[in-house]
Amino acid sequence: MVALSVGTWAGAALIVDRRTSVEMFFGMLGPLAVVSATWALTEWFYRQRPAELTSLMLGLFLLKAIFFAGYVAIMLRVARFRPVPFVGSFTAYFIGLYLMEALYLKRLFSERSR
């Protein structure tokens, strides 16, 4: 997950200017950090207390919504990133990483049912 994200950003950074590559990097960084952390926590929690996973995931959903709202606001208002490169990168990585997480969850749940 991390290698793929950094690799795709590095490839894109080669063809855009420095400012755009920085904005794209931070568009990738927020979703990558959150998905990596929540995936590790979810996997550990599922192996320890699978019956309580839904409650954990609901709580994490609420925390992530608050975090992402603040993250995007700070990047656009405080860091003064241009919306198109930052939001485009953020959206692409957000969707891609959450798709990966969904596939990991499917695999995790199918391992347990065997």
N, C-alpha and C. Protein backbone atom coordinates (compact mmCIF):
# COMPACT_ATOMS: atom_id res chain seq x y z
N MET A 1 0.83 -1.18 0.00
CA MET A 1 0.00 0.00 0.00
C MET A 1 0.88 1.25 0.00
N VAL A 2 1.84 1.30 0.91
CA VAL A 2 2.73 2.45 1.01
C VAL A 2 3.62 2.54 -0.24
N ALA A 3 4.21 1.41 -0.61
CA ALA A 3 5.11 1.40 -1.77
C ALA A 3 4.38 1.81 -3.05
N LEU A 4 3.18 1.30 -3.24
CA LEU A 4 2.41 1.63 -4.44
C LEU A 4 2.05 3.12 -4.45
N SER A 5 1.64 3.63 -3.32
CA SER A 5 1.27 5.06 -3.24
C SER A 5 2.47 5.96 -3.50
N VAL A 6 3.56 5.68 -2.83
CA VAL A 6 4.76 6.50 -3.01
C VAL A 6 5.30 6.36 -4.44
N GLY A 7 5.24 5.16 -4.97
CA GLY A 7 5.72 4.93 -6.33
C GLY A 7 4.90 5.68 -7.36
N THR A 8 3.59 5.68 -7.22
CA THR A 8 2.75 6.40 -8.19
C THR A 8 2.94 7.91 -8.04
N TRP A 9 3.11 8.37 -6.81
CA TRP A 9 3.36 9.80 -6.62
C TRP A 9 4.71 10.18 -7.23
N ALA A 10 5.74 9.36 -7.00
CA ALA A 10 7.07 9.66 -7.54
C ALA A 10 7.04 9.71 -9.06
N GLY A 11 6.29 8.79 -9.67
CA GLY A 11 6.17 8.81 -11.12
C GLY A 11 5.50 10.08 -11.61
N ALA A 12 4.46 10.48 -10.94
CA ALA A 12 3.76 11.72 -11.32
C ALA A 12 4.64 12.94 -11.06
N ALA A 13 5.42 12.89 -9.98
CA ALA A 13 6.28 14.03 -9.63
C ALA A 13 7.34 14.29 -10.70
N LEU A 14 7.69 13.26 -11.44
CA LEU A 14 8.68 13.43 -12.51
C LEU A 14 8.17 14.27 -13.66
N ILE A 15 6.85 14.35 -13.83
CA ILE A 15 6.31 15.05 -15.00
C ILE A 15 5.61 16.36 -14.68
N VAL A 16 5.60 16.74 -13.40
CA VAL A 16 4.98 18.02 -13.02
C VAL A 16 6.02 18.89 -12.34
N ASP A 17 5.69 20.16 -12.16
CA ASP A 17 6.62 21.07 -11.48
C ASP A 17 6.68 20.75 -9.98
N ARG A 18 7.66 21.34 -9.33
CA ARG A 18 7.92 21.04 -7.90
C ARG A 18 6.72 21.39 -7.01
N ARG A 19 6.13 22.54 -7.22
CA ARG A 19 4.99 22.95 -6.37
C ARG A 19 3.84 21.96 -6.51
N THR A 20 3.54 21.56 -7.73
CA THR A 20 2.47 20.60 -7.96
C THR A 20 2.79 19.26 -7.32
N SER A 21 4.04 18.83 -7.41
CA SER A 21 4.41 17.54 -6.81
C SER A 21 4.27 17.57 -5.29
N VAL A 22 4.58 18.70 -4.67
CA VAL A 22 4.40 18.83 -3.21
C VAL A 22 2.92 18.77 -2.86
N GLU A 23 2.10 19.47 -3.62
CA GLU A 23 0.66 19.45 -3.37
C GLU A 23 0.09 18.05 -3.58
N MET A 24 0.57 17.36 -4.59
CA MET A 24 0.13 15.98 -4.83
C MET A 24 0.60 15.05 -3.72
N PHE A 25 1.81 15.29 -3.22
CA PHE A 25 2.33 14.47 -2.13
C PHE A 25 1.44 14.57 -0.89
N PHE A 26 1.07 15.79 -0.53
CA PHE A 26 0.22 15.95 0.63
C PHE A 26 -1.20 15.47 0.37
N GLY A 27 -1.63 15.49 -0.90
CA GLY A 27 -2.91 14.87 -1.26
C GLY A 27 -2.88 13.37 -1.04
N MET A 28 -1.72 12.76 -1.22
CA MET A 28 -1.55 11.33 -1.00
C MET A 28 -1.34 11.02 0.48
N LEU A 29 -0.59 11.88 1.17
CA LEU A 29 -0.14 11.59 2.53
C LEU A 29 -1.28 11.39 3.53
N GLY A 30 -2.27 12.26 3.51
CA GLY A 30 -3.38 12.14 4.47
C GLY A 30 -4.11 10.81 4.36
N PRO A 31 -4.63 10.48 3.17
CA PRO A 31 -5.31 9.19 3.03
C PRO A 31 -4.40 7.99 3.32
N LEU A 32 -3.15 8.06 2.89
CA LEU A 32 -2.24 6.94 3.12
C LEU A 32 -1.99 6.72 4.61
N ALA A 33 -1.74 7.78 5.34
CA ALA A 33 -1.49 7.66 6.78
C ALA A 33 -2.71 7.09 7.50
N VAL A 34 -3.88 7.61 7.16
CA VAL A 34 -5.10 7.18 7.85
C VAL A 34 -5.44 5.73 7.50
N VAL A 35 -5.38 5.38 6.24
CA VAL A 35 -5.72 4.01 5.83
C VAL A 35 -4.71 3.02 6.42
N SER A 36 -3.43 3.36 6.41
CA SER A 36 -2.42 2.46 6.97
C SER A 36 -2.65 2.23 8.47
N ALA A 37 -2.90 3.31 9.19
CA ALA A 37 -3.12 3.19 10.63
C ALA A 37 -4.40 2.43 10.94
N THR A 38 -5.48 2.78 10.27
CA THR A 38 -6.74 2.10 10.57
C THR A 38 -6.71 0.65 10.12
N TRP A 39 -6.01 0.36 9.03
CA TRP A 39 -5.92 -1.03 8.59
C TRP A 39 -5.18 -1.87 9.64
N ALA A 40 -4.05 -1.36 10.14
CA ALA A 40 -3.29 -2.10 11.15
C ALA A 40 -4.14 -2.30 12.41
N LEU A 41 -4.82 -1.27 12.84
CA LEU A 41 -5.67 -1.36 14.04
C LEU A 41 -6.84 -2.32 13.81
N THR A 42 -7.47 -2.23 12.65
CA THR A 42 -8.61 -3.10 12.35
C THR A 42 -8.19 -4.56 12.31
N GLU A 43 -7.07 -4.84 11.66
CA GLU A 43 -6.60 -6.23 11.57
C GLU A 43 -6.29 -6.78 12.96
N TRP A 44 -5.58 -6.01 13.77
CA TRP A 44 -5.25 -6.45 15.12
C TRP A 44 -6.53 -6.66 15.93
N PHE A 45 -7.44 -5.71 15.87
CA PHE A 45 -8.68 -5.78 16.64
C PHE A 45 -9.52 -6.98 16.23
N TYR A 46 -9.58 -7.25 14.94
CA TYR A 46 -10.36 -8.37 14.43
C TYR A 46 -9.82 -9.70 14.95
N ARG A 47 -8.51 -9.81 15.06
CA ARG A 47 -7.91 -11.06 15.56
C ARG A 47 -8.10 -11.21 17.08
N GLN A 48 -8.20 -10.09 17.78
CA GLN A 48 -8.35 -10.13 19.24
C GLN A 48 -9.82 -10.21 19.68
N ARG A 49 -10.67 -9.36 19.10
CA ARG A 49 -12.07 -9.26 19.51
C ARG A 49 -12.98 -9.05 18.30
N PRO A 50 -13.17 -10.09 17.50
CA PRO A 50 -13.91 -9.92 16.24
C PRO A 50 -15.36 -9.47 16.43
N ALA A 51 -15.98 -9.82 17.53
CA ALA A 51 -17.38 -9.45 17.75
C ALA A 51 -17.56 -7.94 17.92
N GLU A 52 -16.50 -7.24 18.30
CA GLU A 52 -16.59 -5.81 18.54
C GLU A 52 -16.06 -4.97 17.38
N LEU A 53 -15.76 -5.61 16.25
CA LEU A 53 -15.16 -4.89 15.12
C LEU A 53 -16.09 -3.82 14.55
N THR A 54 -17.38 -4.10 14.46
CA THR A 54 -18.32 -3.12 13.90
C THR A 54 -18.31 -1.83 14.73
N SER A 55 -18.29 -1.95 16.03
CA SER A 55 -18.24 -0.76 16.89
C SER A 55 -16.96 0.03 16.66
N LEU A 56 -15.84 -0.67 16.55
CA LEU A 56 -14.57 0.00 16.28
C LEU A 56 -14.62 0.73 14.95
N MET A 57 -15.12 0.06 13.93
CA MET A 57 -15.15 0.66 12.60
C MET A 57 -16.06 1.89 12.56
N LEU A 58 -17.16 1.87 13.27
CA LEU A 58 -18.04 3.04 13.34
C LEU A 58 -17.33 4.21 14.02
N GLY A 59 -16.67 3.93 15.12
CA GLY A 59 -15.92 4.98 15.81
C GLY A 59 -14.80 5.54 14.94
N LEU A 60 -14.09 4.67 14.25
CA LEU A 60 -13.02 5.13 13.37
C LEU A 60 -13.58 5.95 12.21
N PHE A 61 -14.74 5.57 11.70
CA PHE A 61 -15.37 6.33 10.62
C PHE A 61 -15.62 7.77 11.04
N LEU A 62 -16.14 7.93 12.23
CA LEU A 62 -16.43 9.28 12.73
C LEU A 62 -15.14 10.09 12.93
N LEU A 63 -14.13 9.45 13.50
CA LEU A 63 -12.85 10.13 13.68
C LEU A 63 -12.22 10.51 12.35
N LYS A 64 -12.30 9.61 11.37
CA LYS A 64 -11.71 9.89 10.06
C LYS A 64 -12.45 11.03 9.37
N ALA A 65 -13.75 11.09 9.49
CA ALA A 65 -14.51 12.18 8.87
C ALA A 65 -14.08 13.52 9.44
N ILE A 66 -13.92 13.58 10.75
CA ILE A 66 -13.46 14.81 11.40
C ILE A 66 -12.04 15.14 10.97
N PHE A 67 -11.16 14.13 10.98
CA PHE A 67 -9.77 14.35 10.59
C PHE A 67 -9.67 14.87 9.16
N PHE A 68 -10.35 14.19 8.23
CA PHE A 68 -10.24 14.59 6.83
C PHE A 68 -10.80 15.99 6.58
N ALA A 69 -11.87 16.35 7.25
CA ALA A 69 -12.41 17.71 7.09
C ALA A 69 -11.37 18.74 7.54
N GLY A 70 -10.75 18.49 8.68
CA GLY A 70 -9.71 19.39 9.18
C GLY A 70 -8.47 19.39 8.31
N TYR A 71 -8.07 18.21 7.85
CA TYR A 71 -6.87 18.07 7.02
C TYR A 71 -7.01 18.87 5.73
N VAL A 72 -8.12 18.68 5.05
CA VAL A 72 -8.34 19.37 3.78
C VAL A 72 -8.42 20.89 4.03
N ALA A 73 -9.10 21.29 5.06
CA ALA A 73 -9.21 22.72 5.36
C ALA A 73 -7.83 23.33 5.64
N ILE A 74 -7.01 22.64 6.42
CA ILE A 74 -5.68 23.15 6.74
C ILE A 74 -4.81 23.22 5.48
N MET A 75 -4.85 22.20 4.66
CA MET A 75 -4.03 22.20 3.44
C MET A 75 -4.44 23.31 2.48
N LEU A 76 -5.73 23.57 2.38
CA LEU A 76 -6.20 24.59 1.45
C LEU A 76 -6.12 26.01 2.02
N ARG A 77 -6.41 26.16 3.31
CA ARG A 77 -6.46 27.51 3.90
C ARG A 77 -5.13 27.94 4.53
N VAL A 78 -4.48 27.04 5.25
CA VAL A 78 -3.25 27.41 5.95
C VAL A 78 -2.03 27.20 5.04
N ALA A 79 -1.90 26.02 4.46
CA ALA A 79 -0.76 25.74 3.58
C ALA A 79 -0.93 26.42 2.22
N ARG A 80 -2.16 26.88 1.92
CA ARG A 80 -2.47 27.60 0.69
C ARG A 80 -2.16 26.79 -0.57
N PHE A 81 -2.44 25.48 -0.50
CA PHE A 81 -2.28 24.64 -1.68
C PHE A 81 -3.35 24.99 -2.70
N ARG A 82 -3.01 24.87 -3.96
CA ARG A 82 -3.98 25.08 -5.03
C ARG A 82 -4.96 23.90 -5.00
N PRO A 83 -6.24 24.17 -5.16
CA PRO A 83 -7.24 23.11 -5.03
C PRO A 83 -7.11 21.97 -6.05
N VAL A 84 -6.84 22.27 -7.30
CA VAL A 84 -6.88 21.22 -8.32
C VAL A 84 -5.83 20.13 -8.08
N PRO A 85 -4.54 20.46 -7.92
CA PRO A 85 -3.58 19.36 -7.70
C PRO A 85 -3.79 18.64 -6.37
N PHE A 86 -4.07 19.41 -5.31
CA PHE A 86 -4.23 18.78 -4.01
C PHE A 86 -5.49 17.93 -3.95
N VAL A 87 -6.62 18.50 -4.32
CA VAL A 87 -7.90 17.78 -4.22
C VAL A 87 -7.94 16.61 -5.21
N GLY A 88 -7.37 16.81 -6.39
CA GLY A 88 -7.31 15.71 -7.37
C GLY A 88 -6.52 14.53 -6.83
N SER A 89 -5.35 14.83 -6.28
CA SER A 89 -4.51 13.78 -5.70
C SER A 89 -5.20 13.15 -4.49
N PHE A 90 -5.73 13.98 -3.61
CA PHE A 90 -6.41 13.50 -2.42
C PHE A 90 -7.54 12.55 -2.80
N THR A 91 -8.35 12.95 -3.76
CA THR A 91 -9.50 12.15 -4.17
C THR A 91 -9.06 10.82 -4.78
N ALA A 92 -8.08 10.87 -5.65
CA ALA A 92 -7.61 9.64 -6.30
C ALA A 92 -7.03 8.65 -5.28
N TYR A 93 -6.19 9.14 -4.37
CA TYR A 93 -5.61 8.26 -3.36
C TYR A 93 -6.65 7.80 -2.35
N PHE A 94 -7.56 8.68 -1.97
CA PHE A 94 -8.62 8.31 -1.04
C PHE A 94 -9.42 7.14 -1.59
N ILE A 95 -9.88 7.26 -2.83
CA ILE A 95 -10.69 6.19 -3.44
C ILE A 95 -9.86 4.92 -3.61
N GLY A 96 -8.66 5.05 -4.15
CA GLY A 96 -7.82 3.88 -4.39
C GLY A 96 -7.43 3.16 -3.11
N LEU A 97 -7.05 3.91 -2.09
CA LEU A 97 -6.63 3.29 -0.84
C LEU A 97 -7.79 2.66 -0.10
N TYR A 98 -8.95 3.29 -0.13
CA TYR A 98 -10.10 2.67 0.53
C TYR A 98 -10.59 1.45 -0.24
N LEU A 99 -10.40 1.42 -1.54
CA LEU A 99 -10.69 0.21 -2.31
C LEU A 99 -9.74 -0.92 -1.88
N MET A 100 -8.46 -0.60 -1.73
CA MET A 100 -7.50 -1.60 -1.26
C MET A 100 -7.88 -2.10 0.13
N GLU A 101 -8.26 -1.19 1.00
CA GLU A 101 -8.64 -1.59 2.35
C GLU A 101 -9.86 -2.51 2.32
N ALA A 102 -10.82 -2.22 1.47
CA ALA A 102 -12.01 -3.09 1.35
C ALA A 102 -11.61 -4.48 0.88
N LEU A 103 -10.68 -4.56 -0.05
CA LEU A 103 -10.22 -5.87 -0.53
C LEU A 103 -9.45 -6.60 0.56
N TYR A 104 -8.65 -5.88 1.34
CA TYR A 104 -7.96 -6.49 2.48
C TYR A 104 -8.95 -7.02 3.51
N LEU A 105 -9.99 -6.24 3.78
CA LEU A 105 -11.02 -6.69 4.73
C LEU A 105 -11.71 -7.95 4.22
N LYS A 106 -12.03 -7.97 2.94
CA LYS A 106 -12.66 -9.17 2.36
C LYS A 106 -11.76 -10.38 2.56
N ARG A 107 -10.48 -10.21 2.30
CA ARG A 107 -9.53 -11.31 2.49
C ARG A 107 -9.44 -11.72 3.96
N LEU A 108 -9.40 -10.75 4.85
CA LEU A 108 -9.32 -11.03 6.29
C LEU A 108 -10.54 -11.82 6.75
N PHE A 109 -11.72 -11.40 6.31
CA PHE A 109 -12.95 -12.08 6.72
C PHE A 109 -13.03 -13.48 6.12
N SER A 110 -12.54 -13.67 4.91
CA SER A 110 -12.59 -15.00 4.30
C SER A 110 -11.60 -15.95 4.94
N GLU A 111 -10.48 -15.44 5.47
CA GLU A 111 -9.51 -16.27 6.18
C GLU A 111 -10.15 -16.84 7.44
N ARG A 112 -10.91 -16.02 8.12
CA ARG A 112 -11.52 -16.43 9.39
C ARG A 112 -12.62 -17.48 9.18
N SER A 113 -13.30 -17.41 8.03
CA SER A 113 -14.42 -18.33 7.80
C SER A 113 -13.97 -19.72 7.33
N ARG A 114 -12.71 -19.85 7.02
CA ARG A 114 -12.22 -21.18 6.57
C ARG A 114 -11.98 -22.10 7.71
